[in-house]
Protein backbone atom coordinates (compact mmCIF):
# COMPACT_ATOMS: atom_id res chain seq x y z
CA MET A 1 -128.49 -102.28 -125.68
CA ARG A 2 -130.38 -105.55 -126.04
CA LYS A 3 -132.23 -105.23 -122.79
CA ARG A 4 -134.96 -102.58 -122.75
CA ALA A 5 -134.65 -100.14 -119.89
CA ALA A 6 -137.55 -100.15 -117.46
CA VAL A 7 -139.98 -97.27 -117.81
CA LEU A 8 -140.46 -95.44 -114.53
CA CYS A 9 -142.96 -92.64 -114.69
CA GLY A 10 -144.91 -90.69 -112.14
CA ALA A 11 -147.99 -88.61 -112.82
CA ALA A 12 -147.73 -86.58 -115.99
CA ILE A 13 -147.85 -82.85 -115.35
CA VAL A 14 -148.40 -80.62 -118.36
CA VAL A 15 -146.58 -77.29 -118.30
CA ALA A 16 -146.65 -74.53 -120.84
CA GLY A 17 -143.69 -73.85 -123.07
CA THR A 18 -141.94 -70.55 -122.66
CA PHE A 19 -142.24 -69.29 -126.21
CA THR A 20 -144.94 -67.22 -127.87
CA ALA A 21 -147.86 -68.79 -129.68
CA VAL A 22 -147.24 -66.86 -132.90
CA PRO A 23 -143.76 -66.48 -134.40
CA ALA A 24 -142.67 -62.92 -135.05
CA GLU A 25 -142.51 -63.35 -138.80
CA ALA A 26 -146.11 -64.56 -138.99
CA GLY A 27 -147.70 -61.32 -137.86
CA THR A 28 -144.99 -58.77 -138.60
CA PRO A 29 -143.40 -59.42 -141.99
CA GLN A 30 -141.97 -55.91 -142.00
CA HIS A 31 -139.41 -57.10 -139.42
CA THR A 32 -138.09 -59.82 -141.72
CA GLN A 33 -134.55 -59.21 -142.92
CA PRO A 34 -134.32 -58.02 -146.54
CA SER A 35 -132.18 -61.02 -147.52
CA LEU A 36 -134.85 -63.37 -146.22
CA THR A 37 -137.57 -61.54 -148.13
CA ALA A 38 -135.56 -61.82 -151.32
CA ARG A 39 -135.06 -65.52 -150.87
CA ALA A 40 -138.74 -66.07 -150.07
CA ALA A 41 -139.70 -64.44 -153.34
CA LYS A 42 -137.80 -67.13 -155.24
CA LEU A 43 -140.17 -69.86 -154.08
CA THR A 44 -142.99 -70.21 -156.58
CA TRP A 45 -145.69 -72.49 -155.25
CA LYS A 46 -147.81 -74.37 -157.77
CA LYS A 47 -150.73 -76.72 -157.25
CA CYS A 48 -149.70 -80.37 -157.18
CA GLY A 49 -152.56 -81.84 -155.18
CA THR A 50 -153.40 -85.53 -155.16
CA THR A 51 -156.67 -87.33 -154.50
CA ASP A 52 -155.60 -87.89 -150.90
CA HIS A 53 -154.06 -84.45 -150.44
CA PRO A 54 -155.83 -81.98 -152.76
CA THR A 55 -154.37 -78.80 -151.20
CA LEU A 56 -150.75 -79.83 -151.69
CA GLN A 57 -148.50 -77.30 -153.42
CA CYS A 58 -144.99 -77.76 -154.81
CA ALA A 59 -141.93 -75.59 -155.38
CA SER A 60 -138.21 -75.98 -155.94
CA LEU A 61 -135.20 -74.32 -154.37
CA LYS A 62 -131.62 -74.14 -155.57
CA VAL A 63 -128.95 -74.60 -152.91
CA PRO A 64 -125.16 -74.96 -153.09
CA LEU A 65 -123.84 -78.48 -153.49
CA ASP A 66 -121.11 -77.35 -151.10
CA HIS A 67 -122.42 -74.86 -148.55
CA ALA A 68 -118.85 -73.71 -147.93
CA ASN A 69 -118.83 -72.52 -151.55
CA PRO A 70 -122.22 -70.82 -151.94
CA ARG A 71 -121.47 -69.52 -155.43
CA GLY A 72 -120.33 -72.90 -156.71
CA GLN A 73 -122.33 -75.74 -158.24
CA GLN A 74 -126.04 -75.61 -157.40
CA ILE A 75 -128.46 -78.48 -156.87
CA THR A 76 -132.26 -78.40 -156.67
CA LEU A 77 -134.45 -79.38 -153.74
CA ALA A 78 -138.08 -80.36 -154.32
CA LEU A 79 -140.46 -78.89 -151.73
CA SER A 80 -144.13 -79.36 -150.92
CA ARG A 81 -146.55 -77.41 -148.78
CA VAL A 82 -149.98 -77.67 -147.24
CA PRO A 83 -150.64 -74.00 -146.49
CA HIS A 84 -152.14 -72.76 -143.25
CA THR A 85 -155.76 -71.66 -143.26
CA ALA A 86 -156.26 -70.29 -139.73
CA LYS A 87 -155.87 -66.67 -138.66
CA LYS A 88 -153.50 -67.82 -135.96
CA TYR A 89 -150.35 -68.72 -137.88
CA GLN A 90 -147.52 -70.53 -136.12
CA GLY A 91 -145.05 -70.64 -139.00
CA PRO A 92 -143.62 -73.48 -141.10
CA LEU A 93 -143.59 -77.06 -139.82
CA LEU A 94 -140.89 -78.99 -141.68
CA VAL A 95 -141.49 -82.75 -141.71
CA ASN A 96 -139.25 -85.68 -142.60
CA PRO A 97 -140.08 -89.44 -142.76
CA GLY A 98 -136.56 -90.74 -142.23
CA GLY A 99 -134.37 -93.02 -144.27
CA PRO A 100 -131.95 -91.53 -144.97
CA GLY A 101 -133.38 -91.52 -148.46
CA GLY A 102 -137.08 -91.11 -147.70
CA SER A 103 -139.15 -88.76 -149.84
CA GLY A 104 -141.02 -86.08 -147.93
CA LEU A 105 -143.25 -84.57 -150.61
CA THR A 106 -146.46 -86.49 -149.94
CA PHE A 107 -145.46 -86.81 -146.29
CA ALA A 108 -146.48 -83.18 -145.79
CA GLY A 109 -150.00 -84.13 -146.85
CA PHE A 110 -150.04 -87.11 -144.51
CA ILE A 111 -148.96 -85.01 -141.51
CA ALA A 112 -151.40 -82.20 -142.30
CA SER A 113 -154.30 -84.63 -142.63
CA GLY A 114 -153.30 -86.63 -139.55
CA LEU A 115 -153.15 -83.71 -137.13
CA PRO A 116 -156.38 -82.29 -135.72
CA LYS A 117 -157.74 -79.83 -138.29
CA ALA A 118 -157.52 -76.90 -135.91
CA VAL A 119 -153.84 -77.64 -135.27
CA ALA A 120 -152.78 -78.29 -138.85
CA ALA A 121 -154.58 -75.12 -139.97
CA GLN A 122 -152.10 -73.02 -137.95
CA TYR A 123 -149.01 -74.24 -139.82
CA ASP A 124 -147.59 -74.32 -143.29
CA VAL A 125 -146.66 -78.01 -143.34
CA ILE A 126 -143.52 -78.25 -145.44
CA GLY A 127 -142.27 -81.49 -146.98
CA PHE A 128 -139.04 -81.85 -148.90
CA ASP A 129 -136.99 -84.39 -150.76
CA PRO A 130 -133.52 -84.14 -149.21
CA ARG A 131 -130.56 -83.77 -151.54
CA GLY A 132 -130.21 -86.77 -153.80
CA VAL A 133 -133.77 -88.00 -153.16
CA GLY A 134 -136.76 -88.38 -155.46
CA ALA A 135 -137.73 -85.20 -157.24
CA SER A 136 -134.67 -83.29 -156.05
CA LYS A 137 -131.89 -83.02 -158.62
CA PRO A 138 -129.61 -84.77 -159.08
CA ALA A 139 -131.39 -87.88 -157.79
CA LEU A 140 -129.00 -90.74 -157.07
CA ASP A 141 -129.33 -94.24 -158.51
CA CYS A 142 -125.98 -95.97 -158.25
CA VAL A 143 -126.94 -99.46 -159.48
CA PRO A 144 -130.46 -99.89 -160.88
CA GLY A 145 -131.77 -103.32 -159.95
CA HIS A 146 -129.20 -103.90 -157.22
CA PHE A 147 -131.76 -105.87 -155.20
CA ALA A 148 -133.14 -107.91 -158.09
CA PRO A 149 -133.81 -111.48 -156.96
CA VAL A 150 -132.41 -113.95 -156.33
CA ARG A 151 -129.45 -112.61 -154.33
CA PRO A 152 -126.84 -114.77 -152.63
CA ASP A 153 -127.81 -116.18 -149.25
CA SER A 154 -127.13 -113.48 -146.67
CA VAL A 155 -125.48 -115.93 -144.24
CA PRO A 156 -121.90 -116.41 -145.52
CA SER A 157 -121.76 -120.08 -144.58
CA THR A 158 -119.20 -120.81 -147.32
CA PRO A 159 -116.31 -118.77 -148.74
CA ALA A 160 -118.07 -118.68 -152.11
CA ILE A 161 -121.22 -117.12 -150.64
CA GLU A 162 -119.15 -114.56 -148.75
CA ARG A 163 -117.18 -113.66 -151.90
CA ALA A 164 -120.41 -113.19 -153.86
CA ASN A 165 -121.84 -110.83 -151.25
CA LEU A 166 -118.56 -108.94 -150.95
CA GLN A 167 -118.46 -108.46 -154.71
CA ARG A 168 -121.96 -106.99 -154.65
CA ALA A 169 -120.98 -104.55 -151.91
CA ARG A 170 -117.72 -103.52 -153.59
CA SER A 171 -119.32 -103.08 -156.99
CA PHE A 172 -122.13 -100.96 -155.57
CA ALA A 173 -119.68 -98.62 -153.83
CA ALA A 174 -117.52 -98.42 -156.94
CA ALA A 175 -120.51 -97.63 -159.16
CA CYS A 176 -121.58 -94.81 -156.84
CA GLY A 177 -118.06 -93.42 -156.98
CA ARG A 178 -117.97 -93.52 -160.77
CA LYS A 179 -121.40 -91.98 -161.35
CA TYR A 180 -121.39 -89.38 -158.59
CA ALA A 181 -117.76 -88.55 -157.85
CA SER A 182 -118.43 -84.81 -157.53
CA VAL A 183 -121.64 -85.26 -155.52
CA LEU A 184 -120.94 -87.98 -152.93
CA PRO A 185 -118.73 -85.81 -150.66
CA TYR A 186 -121.80 -83.65 -150.04
CA ILE A 187 -124.49 -86.30 -149.48
CA ASP A 188 -124.54 -86.36 -145.69
CA THR A 189 -126.58 -85.20 -142.73
CA LEU A 190 -124.64 -81.98 -142.17
CA SER A 191 -125.24 -80.87 -145.75
CA ALA A 192 -128.94 -81.81 -145.50
CA VAL A 193 -129.23 -79.78 -142.30
CA ARG A 194 -127.77 -76.74 -144.04
CA ASP A 195 -130.28 -77.31 -146.81
CA MET A 196 -133.01 -77.16 -144.18
CA ASP A 197 -131.78 -73.79 -143.05
CA ALA A 198 -131.77 -72.63 -146.67
CA ILE A 199 -135.41 -73.73 -146.82
CA ARG A 200 -136.10 -71.71 -143.67
CA ARG A 201 -134.56 -68.61 -145.23
CA ALA A 202 -136.41 -69.16 -148.49
CA LEU A 203 -139.67 -69.31 -146.53
CA GLY A 204 -138.85 -66.01 -144.89
CA ALA A 205 -139.04 -67.59 -141.44
CA GLU A 206 -136.95 -66.54 -138.47
CA LYS A 207 -137.56 -69.94 -136.87
CA ILE A 208 -138.93 -73.30 -137.92
CA ASN A 209 -140.98 -75.98 -136.28
CA TYR A 210 -139.80 -79.51 -137.07
CA PHE A 211 -141.35 -83.00 -136.88
CA GLY A 212 -139.20 -86.00 -137.83
CA TYR A 213 -139.45 -89.77 -137.62
CA SER A 214 -136.64 -92.34 -137.44
CA TYR A 215 -133.50 -91.01 -139.20
CA GLY A 216 -135.45 -87.75 -139.32
CA THR A 217 -134.89 -87.52 -135.55
CA TYR A 218 -131.13 -87.40 -136.07
CA LEU A 219 -131.63 -84.86 -138.87
CA GLY A 220 -133.70 -82.71 -136.52
CA ALA A 221 -131.30 -83.06 -133.59
CA VAL A 222 -128.34 -82.09 -135.78
CA TYR A 223 -130.26 -79.11 -137.16
CA ALA A 224 -130.99 -78.04 -133.59
CA LYS A 225 -127.30 -78.36 -132.72
CA LEU A 226 -126.14 -76.20 -135.62
CA PHE A 227 -129.02 -73.73 -135.52
CA PRO A 228 -130.45 -73.76 -131.98
CA HIS A 229 -131.82 -70.24 -132.19
CA GLN A 230 -133.77 -71.07 -135.35
CA VAL A 231 -135.75 -73.83 -133.59
CA ARG A 232 -139.20 -72.97 -132.29
CA ARG A 233 -140.69 -76.43 -131.70
CA LEU A 234 -139.10 -79.83 -132.21
CA VAL A 235 -140.87 -83.22 -132.29
CA LEU A 236 -138.86 -86.44 -132.63
CA ASP A 237 -140.62 -89.81 -133.01
CA SER A 238 -138.77 -93.18 -132.89
CA ILE A 239 -135.40 -91.84 -132.00
CA VAL A 240 -131.98 -92.70 -133.41
CA ASP A 241 -129.23 -93.15 -130.85
CA PRO A 242 -126.82 -90.40 -131.96
CA THR A 243 -123.94 -91.99 -130.04
CA GLY A 244 -123.92 -95.03 -132.38
CA VAL A 245 -123.89 -93.38 -135.80
CA TRP A 246 -123.98 -95.63 -137.76
CA TYR A 247 -122.03 -98.89 -137.43
CA ASP A 248 -122.88 -99.52 -133.79
CA ASP A 249 -126.52 -98.54 -134.29
CA ASN A 250 -126.89 -101.17 -137.00
CA LEU A 251 -125.44 -103.90 -134.80
CA THR A 252 -127.79 -102.90 -132.00
CA GLN A 253 -130.75 -103.08 -134.37
CA ASP A 254 -130.04 -106.74 -135.04
CA TYR A 255 -130.80 -107.80 -131.48
CA ALA A 256 -133.99 -105.74 -131.39
CA PHE A 257 -135.24 -107.11 -134.73
CA ASN A 258 -134.58 -110.64 -133.52
CA ASP A 259 -136.78 -109.88 -130.51
CA ARG A 260 -139.55 -108.55 -132.76
CA HIS A 261 -139.32 -111.58 -135.03
CA ARG A 262 -139.78 -113.79 -131.96
CA ALA A 263 -142.73 -111.62 -130.94
CA LEU A 264 -144.28 -112.46 -134.31
CA MET A 265 -143.66 -116.16 -133.66
CA ALA A 266 -145.38 -115.83 -130.27
CA TRP A 267 -148.32 -114.02 -131.90
CA ILE A 268 -148.69 -116.83 -134.45
CA ALA A 269 -148.66 -119.34 -131.61
CA LYS A 270 -151.71 -117.62 -130.10
CA TYR A 271 -153.68 -118.32 -133.27
CA ASP A 272 -152.90 -121.95 -133.96
CA ALA A 273 -156.53 -122.49 -134.95
CA THR A 274 -155.95 -120.09 -137.84
CA TYR A 275 -152.38 -120.77 -138.91
CA LYS A 276 -151.88 -124.38 -137.75
CA LEU A 277 -148.21 -123.85 -137.05
CA GLY A 278 -148.35 -124.94 -133.42
CA THR A 279 -148.61 -123.33 -130.02
CA ASP A 280 -144.92 -123.29 -129.07
CA PRO A 281 -143.17 -120.12 -130.34
CA GLU A 282 -139.75 -121.81 -130.38
CA ARG A 283 -141.00 -124.65 -132.55
CA ILE A 284 -142.72 -122.17 -134.86
CA GLU A 285 -139.45 -120.27 -135.12
CA ALA A 286 -137.70 -123.53 -136.03
CA LYS A 287 -140.26 -124.02 -138.83
CA TRP A 288 -139.50 -120.52 -140.08
CA TYR A 289 -135.78 -121.29 -140.29
CA ALA A 290 -136.59 -124.60 -142.00
CA MET A 291 -138.59 -122.61 -144.55
CA ARG A 292 -135.60 -120.33 -144.99
CA ALA A 293 -133.31 -123.32 -145.62
CA ALA A 294 -135.75 -124.75 -148.17
CA LEU A 295 -135.93 -121.44 -150.03
CA ALA A 296 -132.14 -121.18 -150.05
CA ARG A 297 -132.12 -124.49 -151.93
CA LYS A 298 -135.09 -123.70 -154.19
CA PRO A 299 -136.33 -120.10 -154.37
CA ALA A 300 -140.09 -119.69 -154.68
CA ASP A 301 -141.12 -118.71 -158.21
CA GLY A 302 -137.51 -117.82 -158.96
CA LYS A 303 -137.98 -114.72 -156.74
CA VAL A 304 -137.92 -115.55 -153.06
CA GLY A 305 -134.74 -117.12 -151.81
CA ALA A 306 -133.34 -116.98 -148.30
CA SER A 307 -132.34 -113.31 -148.51
CA GLU A 308 -135.65 -112.28 -150.05
CA LEU A 309 -137.50 -114.16 -147.30
CA GLU A 310 -135.66 -112.06 -144.72
CA ASP A 311 -136.48 -108.92 -146.71
CA THR A 312 -140.16 -109.92 -146.66
CA PHE A 313 -140.33 -110.46 -142.90
CA ILE A 314 -138.16 -107.50 -141.84
CA PRO A 315 -141.05 -105.04 -142.38
CA GLY A 316 -142.95 -107.03 -139.74
CA GLY A 317 -140.32 -105.79 -137.30
CA TYR A 318 -141.27 -102.23 -138.15
CA TYR A 319 -145.04 -102.62 -138.07
CA ASN A 320 -147.22 -105.36 -136.59
CA GLY A 321 -150.03 -104.52 -139.01
CA TYR A 322 -148.14 -106.71 -141.50
CA TRP A 323 -148.17 -109.76 -139.20
CA PRO A 324 -151.44 -111.31 -140.44
CA TYR A 325 -150.23 -111.24 -144.04
CA LEU A 326 -146.82 -112.68 -143.13
CA ALA A 327 -148.40 -115.39 -140.99
CA GLU A 328 -150.75 -116.41 -143.80
CA ALA A 329 -147.84 -116.66 -146.24
CA PHE A 330 -145.76 -118.65 -143.74
CA SER A 331 -148.64 -121.04 -143.04
CA ALA A 332 -149.47 -121.56 -146.71
CA TYR A 333 -145.87 -122.45 -147.53
CA VAL A 334 -145.34 -124.81 -144.59
CA ASN A 335 -148.76 -126.47 -144.43
CA GLY A 336 -150.00 -126.28 -147.98
CA LYS A 337 -146.77 -126.27 -150.01
CA ASN A 338 -148.21 -123.14 -151.59
CA ALA A 339 -145.64 -120.42 -152.24
CA ASP A 340 -148.02 -117.98 -153.95
CA PRO A 341 -148.91 -115.98 -150.80
CA LEU A 342 -145.21 -115.77 -149.93
CA VAL A 343 -144.34 -114.41 -153.37
CA GLU A 344 -147.21 -111.93 -153.06
CA ALA A 345 -145.96 -110.82 -149.65
CA TYR A 346 -142.46 -110.35 -151.09
CA GLU A 347 -143.83 -108.24 -153.93
CA ASN A 348 -145.93 -106.13 -151.53
CA PHE A 349 -143.44 -105.63 -148.71
CA ALA A 350 -139.94 -106.19 -150.03
CA ALA A 351 -139.53 -105.88 -153.80
CA ILE A 352 -137.44 -102.81 -154.72
CA ASP A 353 -138.50 -100.51 -157.57
CA ALA A 354 -136.72 -97.47 -159.04
CA SER A 355 -137.78 -95.35 -156.07
CA GLY A 356 -136.27 -97.97 -153.76
CA ASP A 357 -133.04 -97.97 -155.77
CA ASN A 358 -132.87 -94.20 -155.30
CA GLY A 359 -133.61 -94.49 -151.59
CA TYR A 360 -130.90 -97.09 -151.06
CA SER A 361 -128.37 -95.04 -153.00
CA VAL A 362 -129.00 -92.06 -150.73
CA TYR A 363 -129.14 -94.28 -147.64
CA THR A 364 -125.67 -95.66 -148.27
CA SER A 365 -124.28 -92.29 -149.35
CA VAL A 366 -125.41 -90.61 -146.12
CA GLN A 367 -124.64 -93.44 -143.73
CA CYS A 368 -121.23 -94.17 -145.20
CA ARG A 369 -120.29 -90.48 -145.08
CA ASP A 370 -121.77 -89.57 -141.68
CA GLY A 371 -119.50 -91.66 -139.48
CA SER A 372 -116.52 -93.97 -139.54
CA TRP A 373 -116.95 -97.59 -140.66
CA PRO A 374 -114.44 -100.42 -140.35
CA ARG A 375 -112.40 -100.73 -143.53
CA ASP A 376 -111.02 -104.09 -142.46
CA TRP A 377 -113.58 -106.75 -143.41
CA ARG A 378 -112.28 -109.01 -140.65
CA GLN A 379 -113.88 -106.71 -138.07
CA TRP A 380 -117.24 -107.00 -139.83
CA GLN A 381 -116.82 -110.80 -139.78
CA ARG A 382 -116.07 -110.89 -136.07
CA ASP A 383 -118.83 -108.50 -135.06
CA ASN A 384 -121.58 -109.96 -137.24
CA TRP A 385 -120.84 -113.61 -136.49
CA ASP A 386 -120.97 -112.67 -132.81
CA VAL A 387 -124.38 -111.05 -133.31
CA TYR A 388 -125.58 -113.95 -135.46
CA GLU A 389 -124.91 -116.48 -132.70
CA LYS A 390 -127.35 -114.63 -130.43
CA ALA A 391 -129.72 -112.93 -132.88
CA PRO A 392 -129.66 -114.63 -136.28
CA PHE A 393 -132.81 -113.22 -137.87
CA MET A 394 -131.41 -110.03 -139.44
CA ALA A 395 -127.72 -110.06 -138.52
CA TRP A 396 -126.13 -110.82 -141.88
CA ASN A 397 -128.92 -109.33 -143.96
CA ASN A 398 -128.29 -106.01 -142.20
CA ALA A 399 -124.54 -106.41 -142.52
CA TRP A 400 -124.70 -106.77 -146.31
CA TYR A 401 -127.20 -103.91 -146.55
CA ASN A 402 -124.55 -101.64 -145.03
CA ALA A 403 -121.44 -103.39 -146.35
CA PRO A 404 -120.78 -100.86 -149.17
CA CYS A 405 -119.58 -98.57 -146.38
CA ALA A 406 -116.50 -100.80 -145.97
CA PHE A 407 -115.49 -99.76 -149.50
CA TRP A 408 -117.04 -96.31 -149.81
CA PRO A 409 -115.13 -93.91 -152.06
CA THR A 410 -115.41 -90.84 -149.81
CA SER A 411 -113.85 -90.08 -146.45
CA SER A 412 -115.97 -90.13 -143.30
CA LEU A 413 -117.16 -87.29 -141.13
CA SER A 414 -117.43 -87.41 -137.36
CA PRO A 415 -120.88 -87.99 -135.84
CA VAL A 416 -122.41 -84.86 -134.34
CA ASN A 417 -122.64 -84.53 -130.57
CA VAL A 418 -126.26 -83.38 -130.38
CA ALA A 419 -126.15 -82.41 -126.67
CA ASN A 420 -128.01 -79.14 -126.42
CA GLY A 421 -129.04 -76.78 -123.68
CA LYS A 422 -130.12 -73.91 -125.90
CA LEU A 423 -133.49 -75.17 -127.12
CA PRO A 424 -137.07 -74.45 -126.10
CA PRO A 425 -139.02 -77.46 -124.78
CA VAL A 426 -138.68 -80.48 -127.09
CA LEU A 427 -141.13 -83.39 -127.36
CA LEU A 428 -139.86 -86.95 -127.83
CA PHE A 429 -141.83 -90.15 -128.57
CA GLN A 430 -140.47 -93.67 -128.20
CA ALA A 431 -141.90 -97.21 -128.05
CA THR A 432 -140.26 -99.58 -125.59
CA ASN A 433 -139.92 -102.45 -128.09
CA ASP A 434 -139.09 -100.52 -131.25
CA ALA A 435 -136.62 -102.56 -133.30
CA ALA A 436 -135.39 -100.02 -135.85
CA THR A 437 -134.55 -97.40 -133.25
CA PRO A 438 -134.31 -99.25 -129.94
CA TYR A 439 -135.67 -97.69 -126.77
CA GLU A 440 -132.30 -96.67 -125.37
CA GLY A 441 -131.92 -94.13 -128.17
CA GLY A 442 -134.93 -92.22 -126.92
CA VAL A 443 -133.59 -92.23 -123.36
CA THR A 444 -130.18 -91.05 -124.58
CA VAL A 445 -131.59 -88.13 -126.57
CA HIS A 446 -133.87 -87.22 -123.66
CA ARG A 447 -130.73 -86.90 -121.56
CA LEU A 448 -128.78 -84.96 -124.22
CA LEU A 449 -131.52 -82.41 -124.97
CA ALA A 450 -131.74 -80.52 -121.71
CA ASP A 451 -135.33 -79.27 -121.95
CA SER A 452 -136.91 -82.31 -123.58
CA SER A 453 -139.89 -84.38 -122.47
CA LEU A 454 -140.14 -88.09 -123.28
CA VAL A 455 -143.49 -89.78 -123.99
CA VAL A 456 -143.18 -93.57 -123.96
CA GLU A 457 -145.47 -96.11 -125.58
CA GLU A 458 -145.23 -98.95 -123.06
CA GLY A 459 -145.14 -102.35 -124.75
CA GLY A 460 -145.25 -100.86 -128.24
CA GLY A 461 -143.09 -102.43 -130.92
CA ASN A 462 -143.96 -100.35 -133.95
CA HIS A 463 -141.54 -97.87 -135.47
CA GLY A 464 -143.25 -94.52 -135.90
CA ILE A 465 -145.97 -94.25 -133.28
CA THR A 466 -147.70 -90.89 -133.51
CA LEU A 467 -150.50 -90.24 -136.02
CA SER A 468 -151.07 -93.97 -136.41
CA GLY A 469 -154.05 -94.56 -134.16
CA ASN A 470 -152.85 -94.13 -130.57
CA ALA A 471 -155.02 -91.31 -129.21
CA CYS A 472 -152.97 -91.02 -126.02
CA LEU A 473 -149.78 -90.23 -127.92
CA ASP A 474 -151.56 -87.92 -130.34
CA LYS A 475 -153.04 -85.93 -127.44
CA TYR A 476 -149.54 -84.92 -126.31
CA LEU A 477 -148.51 -84.12 -129.88
CA ALA A 478 -151.54 -81.90 -130.48
CA ALA A 479 -151.09 -80.04 -127.18
CA TYR A 480 -147.46 -79.31 -127.97
CA LEU A 481 -148.13 -78.05 -131.48
CA THR A 482 -151.08 -76.00 -130.25
CA ASP A 483 -149.43 -74.05 -127.45
CA GLY A 484 -146.06 -75.57 -126.62
CA LYS A 485 -147.25 -77.63 -123.65
CA VAL A 486 -145.18 -80.69 -122.74
CA PRO A 487 -145.64 -83.31 -120.01
CA ARG A 488 -143.28 -83.15 -117.06
CA GLY A 489 -142.66 -85.72 -114.34
CA GLY A 490 -141.26 -89.20 -113.74
CA ALA A 491 -137.80 -90.63 -113.34
CA GLU A 492 -137.19 -91.67 -116.93
CA ALA A 493 -140.32 -90.85 -118.91
CA ASP A 494 -142.49 -87.78 -118.56
CA ALA A 495 -145.61 -89.60 -119.73
CA VAL A 496 -146.57 -93.17 -120.57
CA CYS A 497 -149.19 -94.39 -123.02
CA LYS A 498 -150.31 -97.98 -123.44
CA ALA A 499 -149.56 -99.60 -126.76
CA LEU A 500 -152.37 -100.41 -129.13
CA PRO A 501 -153.33 -104.11 -129.13
CA ASP A 502 -151.70 -106.40 -131.66
CA PRO A 503 -153.78 -107.14 -134.77
CA LYS A 504 -156.10 -110.11 -135.17
CA PRO A 505 -155.84 -112.67 -137.97
CA LEU A 506 -157.34 -111.54 -141.24
CA THR A 507 -161.08 -111.70 -141.65
CA SER A 508 -160.83 -109.53 -144.73
CA LYS A 509 -157.91 -107.73 -146.32
CA ALA A 510 -159.51 -104.36 -145.69
CA ALA A 511 -160.13 -104.94 -142.00
CA SER A 512 -156.70 -106.19 -141.06
CA THR A 513 -155.05 -103.02 -139.83
CA SER A 514 -155.40 -99.30 -139.16
CA ALA A 515 -155.59 -97.36 -142.42
CA ARG A 516 -153.50 -94.50 -141.06
CA GLY A 517 -151.00 -96.87 -139.48
CA ALA A 518 -150.52 -98.70 -142.76
CA THR A 519 -150.16 -95.42 -144.67
CA LEU A 520 -147.59 -94.10 -142.21
CA HIS A 521 -145.48 -97.22 -142.47
CA ARG A 522 -145.58 -97.17 -146.26
CA LEU A 523 -144.28 -93.61 -146.13
CA LEU A 524 -141.61 -94.42 -143.55
CA GLY A 525 -140.62 -97.55 -145.43
CA SER A 526 -138.39 -100.24 -144.01
CA ARG A 527 -134.76 -99.63 -143.11
CA GLY A 528 -136.05 -96.11 -142.35
């Protein structure tokens, strides 16, 4: 999985999808089943617009905690909507930013404003906080302040450091079990997918359109597996490998993030006149690890130790728009003995607030429940030391992030085989150098979804690539959402777009990166 597969693509040929432009329920509500009409009446939309998204509306929906017991305990999902304004109505477009644990309420506004106006106007763009997240109730928060600095060094170089990290993982899992014993067995992807179908029914829709990023691609693929005949259009961007859920996927990430960290070192080397860290990427990388060692001995401002330094630079693996800020902080610490920019970067990119505590609680709950994890810590030791020898940047940081799953208080489900030959044309987007969801995941899902088309961003390393400034990618997205057209052709990819150029060093804070790209990556978050 470490080596990116070569992209082989012939001429892109666009062919029309085989489904109608307007869903049946849009123009003929009299054909809607009575039960769906009743459910739709329960959604009361109220204005909840923001400065950025003034047309946003909000509602709530009660769903069973356990879908096998529909009359049992109920929980509440928070929904948002940007309503359609065009005469041509193509139905609801559910959107999800990933995670698991990402809030989707404002994400609906982002998607609606990012699509061409004529396209967005044809859809009700529907955001939602999945069960356990944000404004949905109950919202999980197992251990407030779990990531408060300074944490133990992530690399367990001594038994004492390993014991400290193990205690944190065990105590987090135990706290989740104590606080949410009745809820945790139902915080998983399968339950969230059934919630999505409850949303569909509440909207009175026979079928949904869906657009998901990152973990949202697995959510969408599992929905399509369980409810293939309720899928009208399906867009997946930055694609999870469903065959590695979730232990293997996290190990694979470590190699890809190490590659992206080295790409940052090479980028810094190009701008020695600015950062004065040298022109040899390997020597710059050595200076980074020397900085890490120094912070392990003496954390900056009592906030940024070795683990927090990793947390600060990991977002650079998701989005290269952060590179100029990270490079400035790195340079200031090494060359000027000034830790202030590093502390500022930590506070901007890595510090966890209450929303982050909630997101992590849902992240662990879903990941630990979705698939089997080793319960013998010796296997984690073997696997992560093996990764660390080859790809040290994020290996142990990622291991501890997921380590509560070794002690999780619920049993595990089996990952879903998302192979599907019952869907209309599906559109996939994947960057070749994506670290969070490595390229092979996109190729795998392209193979598993029989009528899918894969659009590749050649040389791209960002996670989440549509609606962030690449007009070539967005052209395919708009065509698909307009009339179902997808590109066809090529051995592995159906279309290839060139990546956007890497950023330049800062000339001003405002000019450093694409505004939409930065907004997207704030919404997707890291670990998403």
